[in-house]
N, C-alpha and C. Protein backbone atom coordinates (compact mmCIF):
# COMPACT_ATOMS: atom_id res chain seq x y z
N MET A 1 130.41 140.75 102.58
CA MET A 1 131.13 141.15 103.42
C MET A 1 131.01 140.07 104.52
N LEU A 2 132.06 139.47 104.68
CA LEU A 2 132.23 138.16 104.87
C LEU A 2 133.23 138.91 106.85
N ALA A 3 132.71 137.34 108.61
CA ALA A 3 132.71 137.35 109.27
C ALA A 3 133.89 135.58 109.86
N LEU A 4 134.18 136.24 110.79
CA LEU A 4 134.48 134.23 111.23
C LEU A 4 133.88 134.52 112.90
N GLN A 5 133.17 133.08 112.88
CA GLN A 5 132.27 132.52 114.09
C GLN A 5 133.40 131.37 114.13
N PRO A 6 134.13 131.73 115.79
CA PRO A 6 135.14 130.74 116.85
C PRO A 6 133.68 130.25 116.79
N PRO A 7 135.57 129.63 116.66
CA PRO A 7 134.12 127.46 117.10
C PRO A 7 134.55 127.36 118.46
N SER A 8 133.86 126.75 118.35
CA SER A 8 133.16 125.97 120.25
C SER A 8 133.50 125.60 120.26
N SER A 9 134.79 124.15 120.25
CA SER A 9 136.01 124.24 120.48
C SER A 9 137.28 124.07 119.68
N GLN A 10 138.31 124.13 120.03
CA GLN A 10 139.43 124.67 119.68
C GLN A 10 140.42 123.05 118.56
N ARG A 11 140.21 122.85 117.60
CA ARG A 11 140.67 121.90 117.55
C ARG A 11 142.60 122.36 116.75
N LYS A 12 143.25 120.90 116.93
CA LYS A 12 144.68 121.56 115.85
C LYS A 12 144.34 120.42 114.73
N LEU A 13 145.10 121.09 113.21
CA LEU A 13 145.17 120.36 112.78
C LEU A 13 146.29 119.86 112.32
N THR A 14 146.83 119.75 111.02
CA THR A 14 147.63 119.94 110.33
C THR A 14 147.32 119.10 108.91
N PRO A 15 147.40 120.34 107.75
CA PRO A 15 147.10 119.64 106.36
C PRO A 15 148.34 118.31 106.23
N ASN A 16 147.24 118.05 104.96
CA ASN A 16 148.41 117.21 103.94
C ASN A 16 148.46 117.73 102.51
N LEU A 17 149.83 117.86 102.01
CA LEU A 17 149.52 118.15 100.33
C LEU A 17 150.11 116.79 99.75
N LEU A 18 149.10 116.25 99.00
CA LEU A 18 149.09 114.96 98.32
C LEU A 18 149.55 114.71 97.18
N PRO A 19 150.68 113.96 96.83
CA PRO A 19 151.30 114.43 94.80
C PRO A 19 150.29 113.32 94.77
N CYS A 20 148.59 113.29 94.64
CA CYS A 20 147.50 112.79 93.77
C CYS A 20 146.64 113.61 93.65
N SER A 21 145.57 113.33 92.46
CA SER A 21 144.35 114.71 93.04
C SER A 21 143.04 113.21 93.32
N ILE A 22 142.60 113.95 94.66
CA ILE A 22 141.48 112.83 94.94
C ILE A 22 140.21 113.89 94.35
N LYS A 23 139.09 112.99 93.61
CA LYS A 23 138.21 114.19 93.25
C LYS A 23 136.82 113.78 94.52
N HIS A 24 137.04 114.63 95.71
CA HIS A 24 136.34 114.26 96.41
C HIS A 24 136.13 115.65 97.52
N ASN A 25 135.56 116.38 98.42
CA ASN A 25 135.80 117.50 98.24
C ASN A 25 135.40 117.65 100.45
N GLY A 26 135.36 117.12 100.81
CA GLY A 26 134.78 117.27 102.03
C GLY A 26 135.53 115.78 102.81
N PRO A 27 133.97 115.84 104.31
CA PRO A 27 135.89 115.14 105.15
C PRO A 27 134.77 113.40 104.14
N VAL A 28 136.26 112.87 105.59
CA VAL A 28 136.08 110.91 105.12
C VAL A 28 136.67 110.79 106.32
N PRO A 29 136.40 109.39 106.82
CA PRO A 29 136.52 109.06 107.61
C PRO A 29 136.98 108.44 107.65
N ILE A 30 138.50 108.86 107.91
CA ILE A 30 139.99 107.77 108.17
C ILE A 30 140.32 106.38 108.67
N HIS A 31 140.56 105.51 108.25
CA HIS A 31 140.97 104.34 109.14
C HIS A 31 142.55 104.51 109.30
N PRO A 32 143.07 104.19 110.88
CA PRO A 32 144.58 104.05 111.18
C PRO A 32 144.95 102.85 109.53
N ARG A 33 144.19 101.99 109.33
CA ARG A 33 144.52 100.83 108.21
C ARG A 33 145.31 101.61 107.30
N TYR A 34 144.53 103.37 106.26
CA TYR A 34 145.20 103.35 105.33
C TYR A 34 145.58 105.03 105.10
N TRP A 35 145.61 104.84 106.83
CA TRP A 35 146.23 106.32 106.72
C TRP A 35 146.76 106.75 108.20
N SER A 36 148.27 106.49 108.60
CA SER A 36 149.11 106.07 109.17
C SER A 36 150.60 106.45 109.26
N PRO A 37 151.03 108.34 109.11
CA PRO A 37 151.54 107.99 109.75
C PRO A 37 152.40 108.75 110.60
N THR A 38 154.24 108.08 109.91
CA THR A 38 154.76 108.11 111.30
C THR A 38 154.58 109.58 111.95
N LYS A 39 154.72 109.50 113.53
CA LYS A 39 155.66 111.09 114.11
C LYS A 39 156.13 111.42 113.24
N PRO A 40 156.93 112.95 112.92
CA PRO A 40 158.28 113.50 112.68
C PRO A 40 158.82 113.15 113.00
N SER A 41 160.27 112.76 112.01
CA SER A 41 162.12 112.31 112.66
C SER A 41 162.63 112.87 112.36
N GLY A 42 164.03 113.59 113.18
CA GLY A 42 164.78 114.10 112.22
C GLY A 42 164.75 114.87 112.85
N VAL A 43 166.55 115.99 112.58
CA VAL A 43 166.50 117.80 111.77
C VAL A 43 165.56 118.33 111.05
N THR A 44 165.19 117.13 110.42
CA THR A 44 164.48 117.38 108.43
C THR A 44 162.96 117.00 109.48
N LYS A 45 162.32 117.05 110.16
CA LYS A 45 161.50 116.94 110.36
C LYS A 45 160.58 116.32 108.62
N THR A 46 160.70 115.28 109.68
CA THR A 46 160.11 113.80 108.05
C THR A 46 159.01 113.00 108.50
N SER A 47 158.34 113.02 107.92
CA SER A 47 157.38 111.01 107.88
C SER A 47 157.37 110.85 107.11
N THR A 48 157.27 109.62 107.27
CA THR A 48 157.18 108.54 106.41
C THR A 48 154.80 107.80 106.60
N SER A 49 153.90 107.35 105.49
CA SER A 49 153.24 106.38 105.70
C SER A 49 153.14 105.94 103.55
N TYR A 50 151.96 104.97 103.47
CA TYR A 50 152.01 104.56 102.30
C TYR A 50 150.00 104.64 102.26
N LEU A 51 150.57 104.75 101.30
CA LEU A 51 148.76 105.14 100.98
C LEU A 51 148.40 104.65 99.12
N ARG A 52 147.79 103.45 99.83
CA ARG A 52 147.11 102.80 98.39
C ARG A 52 148.95 101.34 98.09
N GLY A 53 149.47 101.32 98.51
CA GLY A 53 150.78 100.40 99.14
C GLY A 53 151.76 101.03 98.38
N ARG A 54 151.56 103.04 97.71
CA ARG A 54 153.29 103.02 97.64
C ARG A 54 152.93 104.20 98.80
N LEU A 55 154.93 104.28 98.58
CA LEU A 55 155.80 105.24 99.85
C LEU A 55 155.99 106.59 100.18
N LEU A 56 154.67 106.71 100.71
CA LEU A 56 155.38 108.26 100.36
C LEU A 56 156.24 109.08 101.48
N ARG A 57 156.51 110.28 101.40
CA ARG A 57 158.15 110.95 102.78
C ARG A 57 156.90 111.69 102.80
N GLY A 58 156.86 112.54 104.02
CA GLY A 58 156.45 113.91 104.02
C GLY A 58 157.48 115.31 104.49
N ARG A 59 157.07 116.60 104.04
CA ARG A 59 158.19 117.53 105.15
C ARG A 59 157.26 118.29 105.45
N HIS A 60 158.03 118.52 106.58
CA HIS A 60 156.82 118.93 108.22
C HIS A 60 157.66 120.61 107.12
N VAL A 61 156.30 120.92 106.56
CA VAL A 61 156.57 123.18 106.45
C VAL A 61 155.77 123.94 107.50
N ALA A 62 156.97 124.30 109.00
CA ALA A 62 155.88 125.79 109.92
C ALA A 62 155.44 126.53 109.16
N LEU A 63 154.84 127.56 109.50
CA LEU A 63 154.18 128.69 108.99
C LEU A 63 155.47 129.45 109.38
N PRO A 64 155.91 130.67 109.27
CA PRO A 64 156.39 131.91 109.42
C PRO A 64 155.74 132.75 111.28
N ALA A 65 156.70 132.58 111.74
CA ALA A 65 156.74 132.81 112.68
C ALA A 65 155.84 134.23 112.57
N GLY A 66 154.31 134.26 113.42
CA GLY A 66 153.43 134.53 114.65
C GLY A 66 152.37 134.61 112.99
N TYR A 67 152.28 133.89 112.80
CA TYR A 67 151.32 133.82 111.78
C TYR A 67 150.67 131.54 112.38
N THR A 68 149.52 132.17 111.58
CA THR A 68 148.14 130.26 112.52
C THR A 68 148.11 130.24 111.06
N GLY A 69 147.71 128.92 110.12
CA GLY A 69 146.98 129.15 109.63
C GLY A 69 145.26 128.79 109.89
N VAL A 70 144.15 129.31 109.48
CA VAL A 70 143.31 128.46 109.31
C VAL A 70 142.53 127.40 108.64
N VAL A 71 141.63 126.96 109.32
CA VAL A 71 140.93 125.83 108.36
C VAL A 71 139.18 126.42 108.08
N LEU A 72 138.76 126.98 107.40
CA LEU A 72 136.71 127.89 108.06
C LEU A 72 136.59 127.44 106.57
N GLN A 73 134.90 126.83 107.08
CA GLN A 73 133.81 126.29 106.67
C GLN A 73 132.84 126.84 106.08
N ASN A 74 132.22 127.18 105.04
CA ASN A 74 131.06 128.25 104.54
C ASN A 74 129.89 127.68 105.25
N SER A 75 129.10 128.91 105.92
CA SER A 75 127.70 128.18 106.55
C SER A 75 126.96 129.18 105.93
N SER A 76 125.71 128.59 105.48
CA SER A 76 124.60 129.12 105.64
C SER A 76 124.30 130.37 106.47
N ALA A 77 125.40 130.46 107.11
CA ALA A 77 124.33 131.69 107.70
C ALA A 77 124.69 132.48 108.20
N THR A 78 124.30 134.17 108.68
CA THR A 78 124.13 135.10 108.25
C THR A 78 124.43 136.03 109.94
N LEU A 79 125.11 137.42 109.86
CA LEU A 79 124.92 137.28 110.89
C LEU A 79 123.99 138.75 110.27
N PRO A 80 123.54 139.55 111.53
CA PRO A 80 122.28 140.51 111.64
C PRO A 80 121.99 142.15 110.23
N SER A 81 121.30 142.59 109.56
CA SER A 81 121.57 143.35 108.74
C SER A 81 122.07 144.47 109.20
N ALA A 82 123.18 144.42 108.50
CA ALA A 82 124.14 146.06 108.41
C ALA A 82 123.30 146.78 108.42
N LYS A 83 122.71 148.08 108.81
CA LYS A 83 122.69 149.18 108.77
C LYS A 83 123.08 150.69 108.71
N ALA A 84 122.99 151.60 107.74
CA ALA A 84 122.98 153.28 107.88
C ALA A 84 122.97 153.31 109.79
N ASP A 85 124.28 154.35 110.23
CA ASP A 85 124.24 154.75 111.67
C ASP A 85 123.74 156.42 111.48
N GLY A 86 123.51 156.82 110.31
CA GLY A 86 123.00 157.68 110.93
C GLY A 86 124.30 159.05 110.70
N ASN A 87 125.94 158.49 110.94
CA ASN A 87 126.64 159.19 110.90
C ASN A 87 128.10 158.53 109.97
N GLY A 88 127.36 158.27 108.94
CA GLY A 88 128.36 158.42 107.49
C GLY A 88 129.09 156.43 107.52
N GLY A 89 128.37 155.74 108.71
CA GLY A 89 129.05 154.54 108.76
C GLY A 89 128.24 153.33 109.17
N LEU A 90 127.99 152.48 108.75
CA LEU A 90 127.25 151.33 108.73
C LEU A 90 127.37 150.52 110.26
N THR A 91 126.05 150.44 111.12
CA THR A 91 126.44 149.64 111.95
C THR A 91 125.73 147.90 111.56
N CYS A 92 126.82 147.27 112.82
CA CYS A 92 125.48 146.19 112.28
C CYS A 92 124.92 145.66 113.30
N ALA A 93 123.44 145.29 113.24
CA ALA A 93 122.35 145.37 114.60
C ALA A 93 122.74 144.35 116.23
N GLY A 94 122.10 145.67 116.66
CA GLY A 94 123.48 144.58 117.51
C GLY A 94 124.66 144.58 118.31
N ALA A 95 125.19 145.75 117.36
CA ALA A 95 126.75 144.82 117.66
C ALA A 95 126.68 146.71 119.10
N GLY A 96 126.76 147.37 118.05
CA GLY A 96 126.94 148.55 119.10
C GLY A 96 127.95 149.38 118.13
N VAL A 97 128.78 148.83 117.47
CA VAL A 97 130.22 148.91 117.03
C VAL A 97 129.68 149.14 116.08
N SER A 98 130.90 150.59 115.15
CA SER A 98 130.29 150.71 113.12
C SER A 98 131.06 149.79 112.61
N MET A 99 130.76 149.48 111.93
CA MET A 99 131.39 148.60 110.92
C MET A 99 132.63 149.69 110.68
N VAL A 100 132.77 150.91 110.36
CA VAL A 100 133.35 151.67 109.45
C VAL A 100 135.03 152.15 110.18
N ASP A 101 134.16 151.92 111.85
CA ASP A 101 135.67 152.60 112.46
C ASP A 101 135.97 150.62 112.97
N ARG A 102 135.50 149.99 112.07
CA ARG A 102 136.61 148.23 113.48
C ARG A 102 137.03 148.56 111.42
N LEU A 103 137.10 148.90 110.91
CA LEU A 103 137.89 149.40 109.11
C LEU A 103 138.78 149.80 109.04
N ARG A 104 138.72 151.33 109.70
CA ARG A 104 140.07 152.45 110.73
C ARG A 104 140.62 151.91 111.26
N ALA A 105 140.04 150.61 112.03
CA ALA A 105 140.85 150.51 113.81
C ALA A 105 142.01 149.29 112.88
N MET A 106 141.56 148.53 111.96
CA MET A 106 141.74 147.65 111.41
C MET A 106 143.02 148.01 110.46
N GLU A 107 142.89 149.26 109.42
CA GLU A 107 143.44 150.01 108.60
C GLU A 107 144.37 151.26 108.98
N GLY A 108 144.02 152.02 110.06
CA GLY A 108 145.05 152.05 110.50
C GLY A 108 144.52 153.80 110.47
N GLU A 109 143.93 153.73 109.70
CA GLU A 109 143.58 155.58 108.38
C GLU A 109 142.07 155.52 108.21
N GLY A 110 141.91 156.27 107.63
CA GLY A 110 140.05 156.85 107.56
C GLY A 110 140.30 156.07 106.56
N VAL A 111 139.67 155.99 106.41
CA VAL A 111 138.01 154.83 105.28
C VAL A 111 137.96 156.31 104.17
N GLU A 112 137.52 156.21 102.99
CA GLU A 112 137.22 157.28 102.08
C GLU A 112 136.18 157.35 101.57
N ASP A 113 135.12 157.80 101.63
CA ASP A 113 134.10 157.88 99.99
C ASP A 113 134.32 157.48 98.96
N GLU A 114 133.63 156.67 98.36
CA GLU A 114 133.73 156.53 96.86
C GLU A 114 132.11 157.66 96.25
N GLU A 115 132.31 158.92 95.18
CA GLU A 115 131.33 158.60 94.62
C GLU A 115 130.78 157.74 93.63
N ASP A 116 128.82 158.16 93.43
CA ASP A 116 129.13 157.22 92.76
C ASP A 116 128.89 158.17 91.44
N GLU A 117 127.93 157.97 89.96
CA GLU A 117 127.30 158.07 88.57
C GLU A 117 127.03 159.31 89.00
N ASP A 118 125.72 159.70 90.34
CA ASP A 118 125.30 160.35 89.99
C ASP A 118 125.47 162.07 90.61
N GLY A 119 126.90 161.34 91.52
CA GLY A 119 127.49 163.02 92.26
C GLY A 119 127.82 162.90 94.04
N GLU A 120 126.21 161.39 93.72
CA GLU A 120 125.92 162.11 95.49
C GLU A 120 127.06 160.31 96.32
N GLY A 121 127.09 160.64 97.31
CA GLY A 121 128.33 159.03 98.24
C GLY A 121 126.99 158.00 98.48
N PRO A 122 127.53 157.02 98.82
CA PRO A 122 127.06 155.06 98.26
C PRO A 122 126.32 155.91 99.18
N GLU A 123 125.63 154.86 98.26
CA GLU A 123 123.98 154.59 99.18
C GLU A 123 123.71 154.14 100.28
N LEU A 124 124.01 154.27 101.65
CA LEU A 124 124.34 153.94 103.04
C LEU A 124 123.16 153.06 103.92
N GLU A 125 122.19 153.28 102.93
CA GLU A 125 119.90 152.66 103.12
C GLU A 125 120.57 151.41 102.99
N GLU A 126 121.34 151.03 102.30
CA GLU A 126 121.23 149.88 100.94
C GLU A 126 122.03 148.25 102.84
N VAL A 127 121.27 147.70 102.40
CA VAL A 127 121.68 146.64 103.63
C VAL A 127 123.33 145.09 102.75
N MET A 128 123.51 145.22 104.02
CA MET A 128 124.28 144.37 103.65
C MET A 128 124.34 143.37 103.59
N ALA A 129 124.68 142.19 103.54
CA ALA A 129 124.56 140.85 104.74
C ALA A 129 125.89 140.26 105.28
N VAL A 130 126.04 140.23 105.90
CA VAL A 130 127.18 139.20 106.40
C VAL A 130 127.30 137.91 106.86
N LYS A 131 128.00 137.06 105.50
CA LYS A 131 128.31 136.00 105.18
C LYS A 131 129.35 135.17 106.92
N LEU A 132 128.41 134.09 106.55
CA LEU A 132 129.94 133.61 108.46
C LEU A 132 130.27 132.01 107.82
N LEU A 133 132.04 132.90 108.66
CA LEU A 133 132.33 131.54 107.95
C LEU A 133 132.47 130.62 109.64
N GLU A 134 132.22 129.75 109.36
CA GLU A 134 132.92 129.22 110.70
C GLU A 134 133.89 128.03 110.95
N GLU A 135 135.04 128.47 111.78
CA GLU A 135 136.63 127.94 112.12
C GLU A 135 136.35 126.39 112.32
N LYS A 136 136.55 125.39 112.08
CA LYS A 136 137.27 124.31 111.94
C LYS A 136 138.34 123.66 112.98
N GLY A 137 139.29 124.31 112.86
CA GLY A 137 140.46 124.36 113.14
C GLY A 137 141.41 124.97 112.97
N ARG A 138 143.21 125.01 113.68
CA ARG A 138 143.98 126.16 113.16
C ARG A 138 145.90 125.26 112.86
N PHE A 139 146.16 125.81 112.52
CA PHE A 139 148.28 124.80 111.65
C PHE A 139 149.00 126.09 112.00
N GLU A 140 149.50 125.31 112.30
CA GLU A 140 151.06 125.69 112.24
C GLU A 140 152.14 125.73 111.33
N GLU A 141 151.59 123.87 110.80
CA GLU A 141 152.61 123.37 110.26
C GLU A 141 152.03 122.48 109.35
N VAL A 142 152.32 122.72 107.66
CA VAL A 142 151.26 121.96 106.43
C VAL A 142 152.29 120.47 106.58
N VAL A 143 152.17 119.34 105.71
CA VAL A 143 152.94 118.40 105.36
C VAL A 143 152.59 118.34 104.03
N VAL A 144 153.66 118.53 103.70
CA VAL A 144 153.85 118.72 102.12
C VAL A 144 155.03 116.83 101.25
N TRP A 145 154.26 116.14 100.73
CA TRP A 145 153.89 114.58 100.61
C TRP A 145 154.68 114.34 98.50
N GLY A 146 155.73 113.75 99.29
CA GLY A 146 155.88 113.05 97.59
C GLY A 146 156.20 111.72 97.28
N HIS A 147 156.39 110.80 96.80
CA HIS A 147 156.51 109.36 96.43
C HIS A 147 158.33 109.61 96.47
N GLU A 148 158.07 108.40 97.70
CA GLU A 148 158.49 107.63 97.76
C GLU A 148 160.59 108.18 97.95
N ALA A 149 160.39 109.96 98.69
CA ALA A 149 161.64 110.67 98.49
C ALA A 149 160.53 111.99 99.04
N VAL A 150 161.25 112.53 99.64
CA VAL A 150 161.12 114.30 100.45
C VAL A 150 160.83 115.10 100.03
N VAL A 151 160.18 115.46 99.55
CA VAL A 151 160.13 116.91 98.24
C VAL A 151 161.08 117.41 99.32
N GLU A 152 161.64 118.36 98.15
CA GLU A 152 163.29 119.29 98.37
C GLU A 152 162.33 120.64 98.06
N ALA A 153 163.52 121.94 99.43
CA ALA A 153 163.05 122.84 99.31
C ALA A 153 162.74 123.76 98.36
N ASP A 154 163.24 123.33 97.81
CA ASP A 154 163.00 124.49 95.93
C ASP A 154 161.79 123.76 95.46
N ASP A 155 160.90 123.21 96.16
CA ASP A 155 159.31 122.23 95.44
C ASP A 155 158.26 123.09 95.78
N GLU A 156 157.57 124.45 95.22
CA GLU A 156 156.63 125.13 95.10
C GLU A 156 155.64 125.26 96.13
N PHE A 157 155.86 124.07 96.65
CA PHE A 157 154.55 124.16 98.20
C PHE A 157 155.32 124.92 98.77
N VAL A 158 156.53 124.20 99.07
CA VAL A 158 157.13 124.12 100.56
C VAL A 158 157.53 125.51 99.88
N ARG A 159 157.99 126.33 99.29
CA ARG A 159 158.20 127.68 98.77
C ARG A 159 157.43 129.22 98.84
N GLY A 160 155.91 127.60 99.21
CA GLY A 160 154.78 128.79 99.36
C GLY A 160 154.64 129.97 99.98
N VAL A 161 154.89 128.86 100.96
CA VAL A 161 154.04 129.19 102.18
C VAL A 161 155.21 129.13 103.30
N GLU A 162 156.87 128.96 102.21
CA GLU A 162 158.19 129.53 103.18
C GLU A 162 158.56 131.06 102.92
N GLU A 163 158.63 130.95 102.10
CA GLU A 163 158.68 132.37 101.07
C GLU A 163 157.44 133.17 100.62
N TRP A 164 156.12 133.09 100.17
CA TRP A 164 154.75 133.62 99.95
C TRP A 164 154.56 134.40 100.82
N VAL A 165 154.58 134.06 101.75
CA VAL A 165 154.21 134.99 103.15
C VAL A 165 154.61 135.64 104.05
N GLY A 166 155.89 135.87 103.48
CA GLY A 166 156.94 136.51 103.97
C GLY A 166 157.03 137.71 102.88
N PHE A 167 156.67 137.35 101.97
CA PHE A 167 156.99 138.53 100.52
C PHE A 167 155.26 139.50 100.35
N ALA A 168 154.82 138.99 100.96
CA ALA A 168 153.46 139.37 101.24
C ALA A 168 153.05 140.69 101.86
N GLN A 169 154.67 139.94 103.38
CA GLN A 169 153.83 140.49 104.27
C GLN A 169 154.13 142.44 103.89
N ALA A 170 156.33 141.78 103.76
CA ALA A 170 157.02 143.23 103.31
C ALA A 170 156.61 144.24 101.75
N MET A 171 155.27 143.61 100.96
CA MET A 171 154.97 144.41 100.15
C MET A 171 154.10 144.84 100.83
N HIS A 172 153.04 145.16 102.08
CA HIS A 172 152.09 145.61 102.61
C HIS A 172 153.04 145.50 103.47
N GLU A 173 153.52 146.22 103.82
CA GLU A 173 154.04 146.70 104.97
C GLU A 173 154.85 147.98 104.66
N TYR A 174 154.14 149.84 105.31
CA TYR A 174 155.02 151.03 105.39
C TYR A 174 156.07 150.53 106.00
N SER A 175 156.88 151.77 105.45
CA SER A 175 157.63 152.80 106.14
C SER A 175 157.61 153.88 106.43
N THR A 176 157.87 154.57 107.37
CA THR A 176 158.32 155.90 107.88
C THR A 176 159.25 156.62 106.55
N ALA A 177 159.34 157.26 106.85
CA ALA A 177 160.96 158.15 106.46
C ALA A 177 161.63 158.00 106.30
N SER A 178 162.50 158.66 107.52
CA SER A 178 163.22 157.13 108.31
C SER A 178 164.13 156.26 108.73
N GLU A 179 162.88 155.54 108.39
CA GLU A 179 163.20 153.93 108.67
C GLU A 179 163.46 153.83 106.92
N MET A 180 163.10 154.22 105.49
CA MET A 180 163.47 154.57 104.90
C MET A 180 165.18 154.70 104.36
N ALA A 181 165.22 156.26 105.33
CA ALA A 181 166.63 156.66 105.57
C ALA A 181 167.33 155.76 105.83
N VAL A 182 167.55 155.26 107.00
CA VAL A 182 168.22 153.97 107.25
C VAL A 182 167.98 152.98 106.45
N LYS A 183 167.43 152.33 106.19
CA LYS A 183 167.15 150.58 105.36
C LYS A 183 168.43 151.70 103.82
N GLU A 184 168.06 152.77 103.37
CA GLU A 184 169.01 152.96 101.75
C GLU A 184 170.65 153.06 102.54
N ALA A 185 170.87 153.83 103.79
CA ALA A 185 172.20 154.37 103.89
C ALA A 185 172.90 152.91 104.24
N ALA A 186 172.01 151.41 104.22
CA ALA A 186 172.94 149.87 104.36
C ALA A 186 173.44 149.36 103.68
């Protein structure tokens, strides 16, 4: 299981998708001499920058309404062990709230226990490790950069941000019978 650790301070970030491959994963001290994009301008919200002497043009792509991006970092920290609570659920030591109750609240419905091969329910006495992910910052938009020209609206990364989130939401959304009848009538 994973849990999010709230940040010690709120940082607003802007992820940049560059049209190149960089074989490094992690923080880099950036000097303004090497990376200083212009502020977004115009109705299209574009920026300009240079990377190693090459002109880059960036399109600012806002996340869909109601969504916020989060930058997370894996940590070696874990929450206290989760153990059986005696009521068929798991409780994180010291939390006082059953994990099953939290899952039910998130799902909006009951959680069914699955039987294992011996016909009995899952072993609730097993200890579950809950790994912490540390929140490093949040973002409301992503900048997609192109070589010498602003990337088009049909770029795979632009479409991914603009279309995929809405598609995923529609796919996981459920409607009542009356809502479906109204949609079919339209």
